[in-house]
Amino acid sequence: MNRGRKKIHTATVLNYLLFLVIGIIMVYPFWYVVMYSLSVPSQSSLDHLYLWPAGFTLDNYRYAFSKKILFSGFFNSVFLTVVGTVVNMILTIMLAYPLSREKLPGKGFFSAFVVFPMLFSGGMIPTYLVIKQFGLMDSLWSLITSMAVNVYNLLILTKFFKSIPDSLIEAARIDGCGDVLTLVKIVLPLSKASLATISLFYAVQHWNEFLHATIYINTDSKWPLQVVLRNIIDMLANDLNNSGEVFMNPENFKMATIVITVLPIMCVYPFLQKYFTQGVMMGSVKG
């Protein structure tokens, strides 16, 4: 009668409980931020809010979305994330594939040329002067070109390309494929995990862009979302100081801005999550 039942070991139960506790610990900070953003300012406190909002209000979100500049900032961040990630991936792939081939003439020189800036970068002022010299100031392209290739991501992709068997590359060349066709038809289809992972790295980097935007962009209509939210927080502080009334708590609004910032990228992550661990491990360990 009991043949169909599987015996559950104590170690399995403990593992599930351990991972459940770890999951709660990791999710709770974001849950805390969401609940705080929905709380009534007069009832909320950083010392007393735990699982549910103290009262309930959407005033923080209404105030944010009442600012038209928020929508231009969102559009700019989407453009920066999509176009920037595409440019990043094209350049990274074009550089990683040759560096992964052992027969590349001058490979040692090019590898050192790529790694050296990772250890000794030019700095903020030289980069600013280069952007200005090319006439990219006050343009979203200044943010894309200044971060065109991330060396860390390049090394991960190079290691992954090295893990592809040489026999497949040679077979493609015997069939008449050149380097471009070999890359497109053989290498890239086998590298979906790493490509998805690195795309996510680049997308998060562009979505969270703040520092370079404050340096290179002066027009508020061209600001990305992060800079716009900082500006709205300043507007709120000015409104509170001028009116003298506490109709909104800046701390609650800051929590709302965190939710607005994190939520879009969280919606993208589940589509790439299945490739994430596989891509990182294979690209960094193999080779």
C-alpha atoms as a PDB file:
ATOM      1  CA  MET A   1       0.000   0.000   0.000  1.00  0.00           C
ATOM      2  CA  ASN A   2       2.866   2.386   0.705  1.00  0.00           C
ATOM      3  CA  ARG A   3       5.025   1.487  -2.274  1.00  0.00           C
ATOM      4  CA  GLY A   4       4.028   4.630  -4.181  1.00  0.00           C
ATOM      5  CA  ARG A   5       5.058   6.957  -1.371  1.00  0.00           C
ATOM      6  CA  LYS A   6       8.505   8.483  -1.341  1.00  0.00           C
ATOM      7  CA  LYS A   7      10.333   8.772   1.926  1.00  0.00           C
ATOM      8  CA  ILE A   8      11.184  12.348   2.769  1.00  0.00           C
ATOM      9  CA  HIS A   9      14.523  12.623   4.472  1.00  0.00           C
ATOM     10  CA  THR A  10      15.114  15.045   7.325  1.00  0.00           C
ATOM     11  CA  ALA A  11      18.013  16.623   5.409  1.00  0.00           C
ATOM     12  CA  THR A  12      15.665  17.457   2.517  1.00  0.00           C
ATOM     13  CA  VAL A  13      13.193  19.156   4.853  1.00  0.00           C
ATOM     14  CA  LEU A  14      15.983  21.148   6.486  1.00  0.00           C
ATOM     15  CA  ASN A  15      17.283  22.220   3.068  1.00  0.00           C
ATOM     16  CA  TYR A  16      13.840  23.461   2.048  1.00  0.00           C
ATOM     17  CA  LEU A  17      13.448  25.339   5.331  1.00  0.00           C
ATOM     18  CA  LEU A  18      16.910  26.867   4.976  1.00  0.00           C
ATOM     19  CA  PHE A  19      16.238  28.072   1.440  1.00  0.00           C
ATOM     20  CA  LEU A  20      12.823  29.368   2.523  1.00  0.00           C
ATOM     21  CA  VAL A  21      14.416  31.446   5.278  1.00  0.00           C
ATOM     22  CA  ILE A  22      17.113  32.733   2.895  1.00  0.00           C
ATOM     23  CA  GLY A  23      14.433  33.608   0.326  1.00  0.00           C
ATOM     24  CA  ILE A  24      12.415  35.563   2.905  1.00  0.00           C
ATOM     25  CA  ILE A  25      15.526  37.427   4.047  1.00  0.00           C
ATOM     26  CA  MET A  26      16.324  38.407   0.456  1.00  0.00           C
ATOM     27  CA  VAL A  27      12.766  39.394  -0.533  1.00  0.00           C
ATOM     28  CA  TYR A  28      11.881  41.261   2.661  1.00  0.00           C
ATOM     29  CA  PRO A  29      13.939  44.445   1.961  1.00  0.00           C
ATOM     30  CA  PHE A  30      12.088  45.048  -1.315  1.00  0.00           C
ATOM     31  CA  TRP A  31       8.755  44.205   0.351  1.00  0.00           C
ATOM     32  CA  TYR A  32       9.629  46.668   3.096  1.00  0.00           C
ATOM     33  CA  VAL A  33      10.303  49.400   0.540  1.00  0.00           C
ATOM     34  CA  VAL A  34       6.986  48.758  -1.248  1.00  0.00           C
ATOM     35  CA  MET A  35       4.996  48.806   2.004  1.00  0.00           C
ATOM     36  CA  TYR A  36       6.725  51.976   3.150  1.00  0.00           C
ATOM     37  CA  SER A  37       5.972  53.716  -0.153  1.00  0.00           C
ATOM     38  CA  LEU A  38       2.273  52.892   0.293  1.00  0.00           C
ATOM     39  CA  SER A  39       2.095  54.120   3.896  1.00  0.00           C
ATOM     40  CA  VAL A  40       0.490  57.334   5.101  1.00  0.00           C
ATOM     41  CA  PRO A  41       3.351  59.728   5.988  1.00  0.00           C
ATOM     42  CA  SER A  42       1.911  60.653   9.386  1.00  0.00           C
ATOM     43  CA  GLN A  43       1.647  56.984  10.409  1.00  0.00           C
ATOM     44  CA  SER A  44       4.817  55.536   8.934  1.00  0.00           C
ATOM     45  CA  SER A  45       8.139  55.268  10.692  1.00  0.00           C
ATOM     46  CA  LEU A  46      11.396  53.558   9.797  1.00  0.00           C
ATOM     47  CA  ASP A  47      11.296  51.918  13.243  1.00  0.00           C
ATOM     48  CA  HIS A  48       7.738  50.557  13.207  1.00  0.00           C
ATOM     49  CA  LEU A  49       6.809  49.477   9.679  1.00  0.00           C
ATOM     50  CA  TYR A  50       7.272  45.770   9.112  1.00  0.00           C
ATOM     51  CA  LEU A  51       4.853  43.695   7.016  1.00  0.00           C
ATOM     52  CA  TRP A  52       1.927  45.921   6.053  1.00  0.00           C
ATOM     53  CA  PRO A  53       1.594  49.601   5.165  1.00  0.00           C
ATOM     54  CA  ALA A  54       0.695  51.956   7.968  1.00  0.00           C
ATOM     55  CA  GLY A  55      -2.538  53.185   6.467  1.00  0.00           C
ATOM     56  CA  PHE A  56      -2.697  53.201   2.675  1.00  0.00           C
ATOM     57  CA  THR A  57      -2.058  55.943   0.161  1.00  0.00           C
ATOM     58  CA  LEU A  58      -0.929  56.336  -3.436  1.00  0.00           C
ATOM     59  CA  ASP A  59      -0.030  60.003  -3.020  1.00  0.00           C
ATOM     60  CA  ASN A  60       3.687  59.306  -3.458  1.00  0.00           C
ATOM     61  CA  TYR A  61       3.089  57.712  -6.854  1.00  0.00           C
ATOM     62  CA  ARG A  62       0.531  60.345  -7.856  1.00  0.00           C
ATOM     63  CA  TYR A  63       3.039  63.080  -7.100  1.00  0.00           C
ATOM     64  CA  ALA A  64       5.730  61.344  -9.167  1.00  0.00           C
ATOM     65  CA  PHE A  65       3.493  60.682 -12.169  1.00  0.00           C
ATOM     66  CA  SER A  66       2.114  64.211 -12.062  1.00  0.00           C
ATOM     67  CA  LYS A  67       5.519  65.406 -13.247  1.00  0.00           C
ATOM     68  CA  LYS A  68       5.721  65.272 -17.041  1.00  0.00           C
ATOM     69  CA  ILE A  69       9.483  65.060 -16.852  1.00  0.00           C
ATOM     70  CA  LEU A  70       9.110  61.553 -15.407  1.00  0.00           C
ATOM     71  CA  PHE A  71       7.787  60.237 -18.726  1.00  0.00           C
ATOM     72  CA  SER A  72      10.586  61.828 -20.750  1.00  0.00           C
ATOM     73  CA  GLY A  73      13.082  60.352 -18.298  1.00  0.00           C
ATOM     74  CA  PHE A  74      11.484  56.926 -18.649  1.00  0.00           C
ATOM     75  CA  PHE A  75      11.628  57.150 -22.455  1.00  0.00           C
ATOM     76  CA  ASN A  76      15.272  58.255 -22.325  1.00  0.00           C
ATOM     77  CA  SER A  77      16.184  55.353 -20.047  1.00  0.00           C
ATOM     78  CA  VAL A  78      14.387  52.863 -22.286  1.00  0.00           C
ATOM     79  CA  PHE A  79      16.189  54.249 -25.343  1.00  0.00           C
ATOM     80  CA  LEU A  80      19.499  54.220 -23.507  1.00  0.00           C
ATOM     81  CA  THR A  81      18.964  50.666 -22.264  1.00  0.00           C
ATOM     82  CA  VAL A  82      17.794  49.155 -25.560  1.00  0.00           C
ATOM     83  CA  VAL A  83      20.093  50.967 -27.997  1.00  0.00           C
ATOM     84  CA  GLY A  84      23.024  50.977 -25.590  1.00  0.00           C
ATOM     85  CA  THR A  85      22.738  47.243 -24.934  1.00  0.00           C
ATOM     86  CA  VAL A  86      22.577  46.492 -28.670  1.00  0.00           C
ATOM     87  CA  VAL A  87      25.675  48.609 -29.340  1.00  0.00           C
ATOM     88  CA  ASN A  88      27.470  47.043 -26.364  1.00  0.00           C
ATOM     89  CA  MET A  89      26.711  43.501 -27.484  1.00  0.00           C
ATOM     90  CA  ILE A  90      27.739  44.100 -31.110  1.00  0.00           C
ATOM     91  CA  LEU A  91      31.082  45.606 -30.112  1.00  0.00           C
ATOM     92  CA  THR A  92      31.712  43.040 -27.374  1.00  0.00           C
ATOM     93  CA  ILE A  93      31.000  40.120 -29.702  1.00  0.00           C
ATOM     94  CA  MET A  94      33.154  41.588 -32.475  1.00  0.00           C
ATOM     95  CA  LEU A  95      36.049  41.941 -30.044  1.00  0.00           C
ATOM     96  CA  ALA A  96      35.559  38.741 -28.033  1.00  0.00           C
ATOM     97  CA  TYR A  97      35.443  36.352 -30.983  1.00  0.00           C
ATOM     98  CA  PRO A  98      38.875  37.259 -32.449  1.00  0.00           C
ATOM     99  CA  LEU A  99      40.447  37.233 -28.971  1.00  0.00           C
ATOM    100  CA  SER A 100      39.086  33.721 -28.410  1.00  0.00           C
ATOM    101  CA  ARG A 101      40.938  32.362 -31.452  1.00  0.00           C
ATOM    102  CA  GLU A 102      44.449  31.065 -30.782  1.00  0.00           C
ATOM    103  CA  LYS A 103      45.637  31.822 -34.315  1.00  0.00           C
ATOM    104  CA  LEU A 104      44.923  35.560 -34.105  1.00  0.00           C
ATOM    105  CA  PRO A 105      48.095  37.467 -35.137  1.00  0.00           C
ATOM    106  CA  GLY A 106      49.287  39.716 -32.313  1.00  0.00           C
ATOM    107  CA  LYS A 107      46.832  38.207 -29.862  1.00  0.00           C
ATOM    108  CA  GLY A 108      49.063  38.928 -26.854  1.00  0.00           C
ATOM    109  CA  PHE A 109      49.279  42.613 -27.753  1.00  0.00           C
ATOM    110  CA  PHE A 110      45.538  42.992 -28.295  1.00  0.00           C
ATOM    111  CA  SER A 111      44.732  41.111 -25.081  1.00  0.00           C
ATOM    112  CA  ALA A 112      47.052  43.386 -23.098  1.00  0.00           C
ATOM    113  CA  PHE A 113      45.581  46.423 -24.873  1.00  0.00           C
ATOM    114  CA  VAL A 114      42.106  45.377 -23.723  1.00  0.00           C
ATOM    115  CA  VAL A 115      43.002  44.437 -20.134  1.00  0.00           C
ATOM    116  CA  PHE A 116      45.257  47.437 -19.417  1.00  0.00           C
ATOM    117  CA  PRO A 117      42.392  50.016 -19.239  1.00  0.00           C
ATOM    118  CA  MET A 118      40.631  47.720 -16.777  1.00  0.00           C
ATOM    119  CA  LEU A 119      43.532  48.217 -14.348  1.00  0.00           C
ATOM    120  CA  PHE A 120      44.542  51.779 -15.262  1.00  0.00           C
ATOM    121  CA  SER A 121      41.686  53.838 -16.681  1.00  0.00           C
ATOM    122  CA  GLY A 122      42.126  57.301 -18.136  1.00  0.00           C
ATOM    123  CA  GLY A 123      39.902  58.877 -15.509  1.00  0.00           C
ATOM    124  CA  MET A 124      36.913  61.184 -15.522  1.00  0.00           C
ATOM    125  CA  ILE A 125      38.542  64.334 -16.940  1.00  0.00           C
ATOM    126  CA  PRO A 126      40.219  62.715 -20.004  1.00  0.00           C
ATOM    127  CA  THR A 127      36.954  60.907 -20.786  1.00  0.00           C
ATOM    128  CA  TYR A 128      35.062  64.184 -20.505  1.00  0.00           C
ATOM    129  CA  LEU A 129      37.497  65.890 -22.883  1.00  0.00           C
ATOM    130  CA  VAL A 130      37.154  63.074 -25.428  1.00  0.00           C
ATOM    131  CA  ILE A 131      33.342  63.231 -25.296  1.00  0.00           C
ATOM    132  CA  LYS A 132      33.460  66.996 -25.722  1.00  0.00           C
ATOM    133  CA  GLN A 133      35.952  66.807 -28.602  1.00  0.00           C
ATOM    134  CA  PHE A 134      33.661  64.440 -30.517  1.00  0.00           C
ATOM    135  CA  GLY A 135      30.704  66.799 -30.032  1.00  0.00           C
ATOM    136  CA  LEU A 136      28.645  64.342 -27.983  1.00  0.00           C
ATOM    137  CA  MET A 137      27.954  66.618 -25.032  1.00  0.00           C
ATOM    138  CA  ASP A 138      24.304  66.915 -24.013  1.00  0.00           C
ATOM    139  CA  SER A 139      23.421  63.769 -25.975  1.00  0.00           C
ATOM    140  CA  LEU A 140      22.375  60.280 -24.938  1.00  0.00           C
ATOM    141  CA  TRP A 141      25.054  58.961 -27.282  1.00  0.00           C
ATOM    142  CA  SER A 142      27.655  60.294 -24.873  1.00  0.00           C
ATOM    143  CA  LEU A 143      26.389  57.747 -22.326  1.00  0.00           C
ATOM    144  CA  ILE A 144      26.417  54.922 -24.885  1.00  0.00           C
ATOM    145  CA  THR A 145      29.864  55.570 -26.354  1.00  0.00           C
ATOM    146  CA  SER A 146      31.551  56.218 -23.017  1.00  0.00           C
ATOM    147  CA  MET A 147      30.539  52.708 -21.880  1.00  0.00           C
ATOM    148  CA  ALA A 148      30.732  50.958 -25.243  1.00  0.00           C
ATOM    149  CA  VAL A 149      32.624  47.876 -23.991  1.00  0.00           C
ATOM    150  CA  ASN A 150      32.868  46.570 -20.456  1.00  0.00           C
ATOM    151  CA  VAL A 151      36.126  44.634 -20.094  1.00  0.00           C
ATOM    152  CA  TYR A 152      34.710  42.288 -17.462  1.00  0.00           C
ATOM    153  CA  ASN A 153      31.854  41.292 -19.773  1.00  0.00           C
ATOM    154  CA  LEU A 154      34.313  40.998 -22.645  1.00  0.00           C
ATOM    155  CA  LEU A 155      36.458  38.540 -20.711  1.00  0.00           C
ATOM    156  CA  ILE A 156      33.443  36.419 -19.776  1.00  0.00           C
ATOM    157  CA  LEU A 157      32.323  36.199 -23.398  1.00  0.00           C
ATOM    158  CA  THR A 158      35.860  35.500 -24.615  1.00  0.00           C
ATOM    159  CA  LYS A 159      36.186  32.588 -22.182  1.00  0.00           C
ATOM    160  CA  PHE A 160      32.842  31.219 -23.326  1.00  0.00           C
ATOM    161  CA  PHE A 161      33.815  31.412 -27.002  1.00  0.00           C
ATOM    162  CA  LYS A 162      37.014  29.526 -26.135  1.00  0.00           C
ATOM    163  CA  SER A 163      34.944  26.693 -24.665  1.00  0.00           C
ATOM    164  CA  ILE A 164      33.323  25.989 -28.046  1.00  0.00           C
ATOM    165  CA  PRO A 165      35.099  22.960 -29.576  1.00  0.00           C
ATOM    166  CA  ASP A 166      37.556  23.805 -32.345  1.00  0.00           C
ATOM    167  CA  SER A 167      36.184  20.879 -34.330  1.00  0.00           C
ATOM    168  CA  LEU A 168      32.923  22.781 -34.882  1.00  0.00           C
ATOM    169  CA  ILE A 169      34.816  25.835 -36.101  1.00  0.00           C
ATOM    170  CA  GLU A 170      36.946  23.757 -38.447  1.00  0.00           C
ATOM    171  CA  ALA A 171      33.886  21.903 -39.770  1.00  0.00           C
ATOM    172  CA  ALA A 172      32.215  25.205 -40.589  1.00  0.00           C
ATOM    173  CA  ARG A 173      35.300  26.400 -42.445  1.00  0.00           C
ATOM    174  CA  ILE A 174      35.501  23.157 -44.410  1.00  0.00           C
ATOM    175  CA  ASP A 175      31.913  23.770 -45.488  1.00  0.00           C
ATOM    176  CA  GLY A 176      32.993  27.131 -46.865  1.00  0.00           C
ATOM    177  CA  CYS A 177      31.999  29.457 -44.013  1.00  0.00           C
ATOM    178  CA  GLY A 178      34.182  32.460 -43.400  1.00  0.00           C
ATOM    179  CA  ASP A 179      34.743  34.031 -40.006  1.00  0.00           C
ATOM    180  CA  VAL A 180      31.512  36.052 -40.139  1.00  0.00           C
ATOM    181  CA  LEU A 181      29.311  33.104 -41.113  1.00  0.00           C
ATOM    182  CA  THR A 182      31.043  30.889 -38.552  1.00  0.00           C
ATOM    183  CA  LEU A 183      30.323  33.462 -35.865  1.00  0.00           C
ATOM    184  CA  VAL A 184      26.694  33.939 -36.887  1.00  0.00           C
ATOM    185  CA  LYS A 185      25.745  30.322 -37.653  1.00  0.00           C
ATOM    186  CA  ILE A 186      27.883  28.359 -35.186  1.00  0.00           C
ATOM    187  CA  VAL A 187      29.260  30.432 -32.331  1.00  0.00           C
ATOM    188  CA  LEU A 188      26.351  32.732 -31.469  1.00  0.00           C
ATOM    189  CA  PRO A 189      23.626  30.016 -31.443  1.00  0.00           C
ATOM    190  CA  LEU A 190      25.779  28.018 -29.004  1.00  0.00           C
ATOM    191  CA  SER A 191      26.337  31.069 -26.798  1.00  0.00           C
ATOM    192  CA  LYS A 192      22.759  32.032 -25.935  1.00  0.00           C
ATOM    193  CA  ALA A 193      23.335  31.631 -22.192  1.00  0.00           C
ATOM    194  CA  SER A 194      26.342  33.946 -22.059  1.00  0.00           C
ATOM    195  CA  LEU A 195      24.811  36.429 -24.488  1.00  0.00           C
ATOM    196  CA  ALA A 196      21.643  36.677 -22.387  1.00  0.00           C
ATOM    197  CA  THR A 197      23.658  37.092 -19.194  1.00  0.00           C
ATOM    198  CA  ILE A 198      25.919  39.807 -20.558  1.00  0.00           C
ATOM    199  CA  SER A 199      22.949  41.572 -22.150  1.00  0.00           C
ATOM    200  CA  LEU A 200      21.352  41.705 -18.706  1.00  0.00           C
ATOM    201  CA  PHE A 201      24.564  43.120 -17.223  1.00  0.00           C
ATOM    202  CA  TYR A 202      24.659  45.864 -19.846  1.00  0.00           C
ATOM    203  CA  ALA A 203      20.932  46.597 -19.571  1.00  0.00           C
ATOM    204  CA  VAL A 204      21.109  47.037 -15.783  1.00  0.00           C
ATOM    205  CA  GLN A 205      24.189  49.231 -16.178  1.00  0.00           C
ATOM    206  CA  HIS A 206      22.389  51.542 -18.619  1.00  0.00           C
ATOM    207  CA  TRP A 207      19.120  51.541 -16.685  1.00  0.00           C
ATOM    208  CA  ASN A 208      20.902  52.639 -13.502  1.00  0.00           C
ATOM    209  CA  GLU A 209      22.935  55.323 -15.274  1.00  0.00           C
ATOM    210  CA  PHE A 210      23.284  58.406 -13.082  1.00  0.00           C
ATOM    211  CA  LEU A 211      26.816  59.771 -12.648  1.00  0.00           C
ATOM    212  CA  HIS A 212      27.751  60.135 -16.312  1.00  0.00           C
ATOM    213  CA  ALA A 213      24.349  61.643 -17.092  1.00  0.00           C
ATOM    214  CA  THR A 214      24.897  64.405 -14.550  1.00  0.00           C
ATOM    215  CA  ILE A 215      28.290  65.149 -16.142  1.00  0.00           C
ATOM    216  CA  TYR A 216      27.527  64.984 -19.860  1.00  0.00           C
ATOM    217  CA  ILE A 217      23.861  66.013 -20.097  1.00  0.00           C
ATOM    218  CA  ASN A 218      22.587  69.477 -19.197  1.00  0.00           C
ATOM    219  CA  THR A 219      19.114  69.512 -20.787  1.00  0.00           C
ATOM    220  CA  ASP A 220      16.472  68.170 -18.411  1.00  0.00           C
ATOM    221  CA  SER A 221      14.410  66.675 -21.267  1.00  0.00           C
ATOM    222  CA  LYS A 222      17.378  64.387 -22.064  1.00  0.00           C
ATOM    223  CA  TRP A 223      17.948  63.156 -18.523  1.00  0.00           C
ATOM    224  CA  PRO A 224      17.529  59.420 -17.868  1.00  0.00           C
ATOM    225  CA  LEU A 225      15.089  58.204 -15.235  1.00  0.00           C
ATOM    226  CA  GLN A 226      17.568  58.117 -12.336  1.00  0.00           C
ATOM    227  CA  VAL A 227      18.476  61.783 -12.719  1.00  0.00           C
ATOM    228  CA  VAL A 228      14.830  62.738 -13.199  1.00  0.00           C
ATOM    229  CA  LEU A 229      13.810  61.014  -9.959  1.00  0.00           C
ATOM    230  CA  ARG A 230      16.599  62.795  -8.083  1.00  0.00           C
ATOM    231  CA  ASN A 231      15.315  66.076  -9.523  1.00  0.00           C
ATOM    232  CA  ILE A 232      11.728  65.282  -8.480  1.00  0.00           C
ATOM    233  CA  ILE A 233      12.936  64.595  -4.932  1.00  0.00           C
ATOM    234  CA  ASP A 234      14.541  68.045  -4.956  1.00  0.00           C
ATOM    235  CA  MET A 235      11.255  69.517  -6.221  1.00  0.00           C
ATOM    236  CA  LEU A 236       9.403  67.855  -3.354  1.00  0.00           C
ATOM    237  CA  ALA A 237      11.864  69.266  -0.823  1.00  0.00           C
ATOM    238  CA  ASN A 238      11.413  72.744  -2.291  1.00  0.00           C
ATOM    239  CA  ASP A 239       7.618  72.425  -2.254  1.00  0.00           C
ATOM    240  CA  LEU A 240       7.684  71.404   1.413  1.00  0.00           C
ATOM    241  CA  ASN A 241       9.999  74.271   2.323  1.00  0.00           C
ATOM    242  CA  ASN A 242       7.939  76.872   0.440  1.00  0.00           C
ATOM    243  CA  SER A 243       4.530  75.717   1.651  1.00  0.00           C
ATOM    244  CA  GLY A 244       5.526  74.978   5.226  1.00  0.00           C
ATOM    245  CA  GLU A 245       2.994  72.129   5.248  1.00  0.00           C
ATOM    246  CA  VAL A 246       3.865  68.475   5.704  1.00  0.00           C
ATOM    247  CA  PHE A 247       1.541  66.991   3.082  1.00  0.00           C
ATOM    248  CA  MET A 248       4.088  64.345   2.113  1.00  0.00           C
ATOM    249  CA  ASN A 249       7.066  62.702   3.770  1.00  0.00           C
ATOM    250  CA  PRO A 250      10.220  62.791   1.603  1.00  0.00           C
ATOM    251  CA  GLU A 251      11.229  59.387   2.995  1.00  0.00           C
ATOM    252  CA  ASN A 252       8.008  57.801   1.740  1.00  0.00           C
ATOM    253  CA  PHE A 253       8.523  59.385  -1.652  1.00  0.00           C
ATOM    254  CA  LYS A 254      12.098  58.108  -1.841  1.00  0.00           C
ATOM    255  CA  MET A 255      10.783  54.597  -1.292  1.00  0.00           C
ATOM    256  CA  ALA A 256       8.305  55.134  -4.136  1.00  0.00           C
ATOM    257  CA  THR A 257      11.120  56.242  -6.442  1.00  0.00           C
ATOM    258  CA  ILE A 258      13.009  53.043  -5.607  1.00  0.00           C
ATOM    259  CA  VAL A 259       9.979  50.980  -6.646  1.00  0.00           C
ATOM    260  CA  ILE A 260       9.566  52.967  -9.881  1.00  0.00           C
ATOM    261  CA  THR A 261      13.234  52.435 -10.683  1.00  0.00           C
ATOM    262  CA  VAL A 262      13.525  48.741  -9.845  1.00  0.00           C
ATOM    263  CA  LEU A 263      10.197  47.416 -11.121  1.00  0.00           C
ATOM    264  CA  PRO A 264      10.841  47.673 -14.912  1.00  0.00           C
ATOM    265  CA  ILE A 265      14.156  45.835 -14.774  1.00  0.00           C
ATOM    266  CA  MET A 266      12.600  43.203 -12.498  1.00  0.00           C
ATOM    267  CA  CYS A 267       9.993  42.543 -15.185  1.00  0.00           C
ATOM    268  CA  VAL A 268      12.767  41.806 -17.693  1.00  0.00           C
ATOM    269  CA  TYR A 269      14.830  39.554 -15.435  1.00  0.00           C
ATOM    270  CA  PRO A 270      12.473  36.487 -15.365  1.00  0.00           C
ATOM    271  CA  PHE A 271      12.842  36.113 -19.146  1.00  0.00           C
ATOM    272  CA  LEU A 272      16.646  35.873 -18.811  1.00  0.00           C
ATOM    273  CA  GLN A 273      16.899  34.177 -15.420  1.00  0.00           C
ATOM    274  CA  LYS A 274      17.177  30.641 -16.805  1.00  0.00           C
ATOM    275  CA  TYR A 275      20.292  31.670 -18.750  1.00  0.00           C
ATOM    276  CA  PHE A 276      21.811  33.760 -15.972  1.00  0.00           C
ATOM    277  CA  THR A 277      23.534  31.182 -13.762  1.00  0.00           C
ATOM    278  CA  GLN A 278      24.509  28.966 -16.675  1.00  0.00           C
ATOM    279  CA  GLY A 279      26.020  31.858 -18.613  1.00  0.00           C
ATOM    280  CA  VAL A 280      28.090  33.204 -15.738  1.00  0.00           C
ATOM    281  CA  MET A 281      29.431  29.812 -14.676  1.00  0.00           C
ATOM    282  CA  MET A 282      30.274  28.561 -18.154  1.00  0.00           C
ATOM    283  CA  GLY A 283      31.824  31.842 -19.253  1.00  0.00           C
ATOM    284  CA  SER A 284      33.997  32.280 -16.177  1.00  0.00           C
ATOM    285  CA  VAL A 285      35.047  28.692 -15.387  1.00  0.00           C
ATOM    286  CA  LYS A 286      35.502  26.992 -18.727  1.00  0.00           C
ATOM    287  CA  GLY A 287      38.290  27.799 -21.150  1.00  0.00           C
END
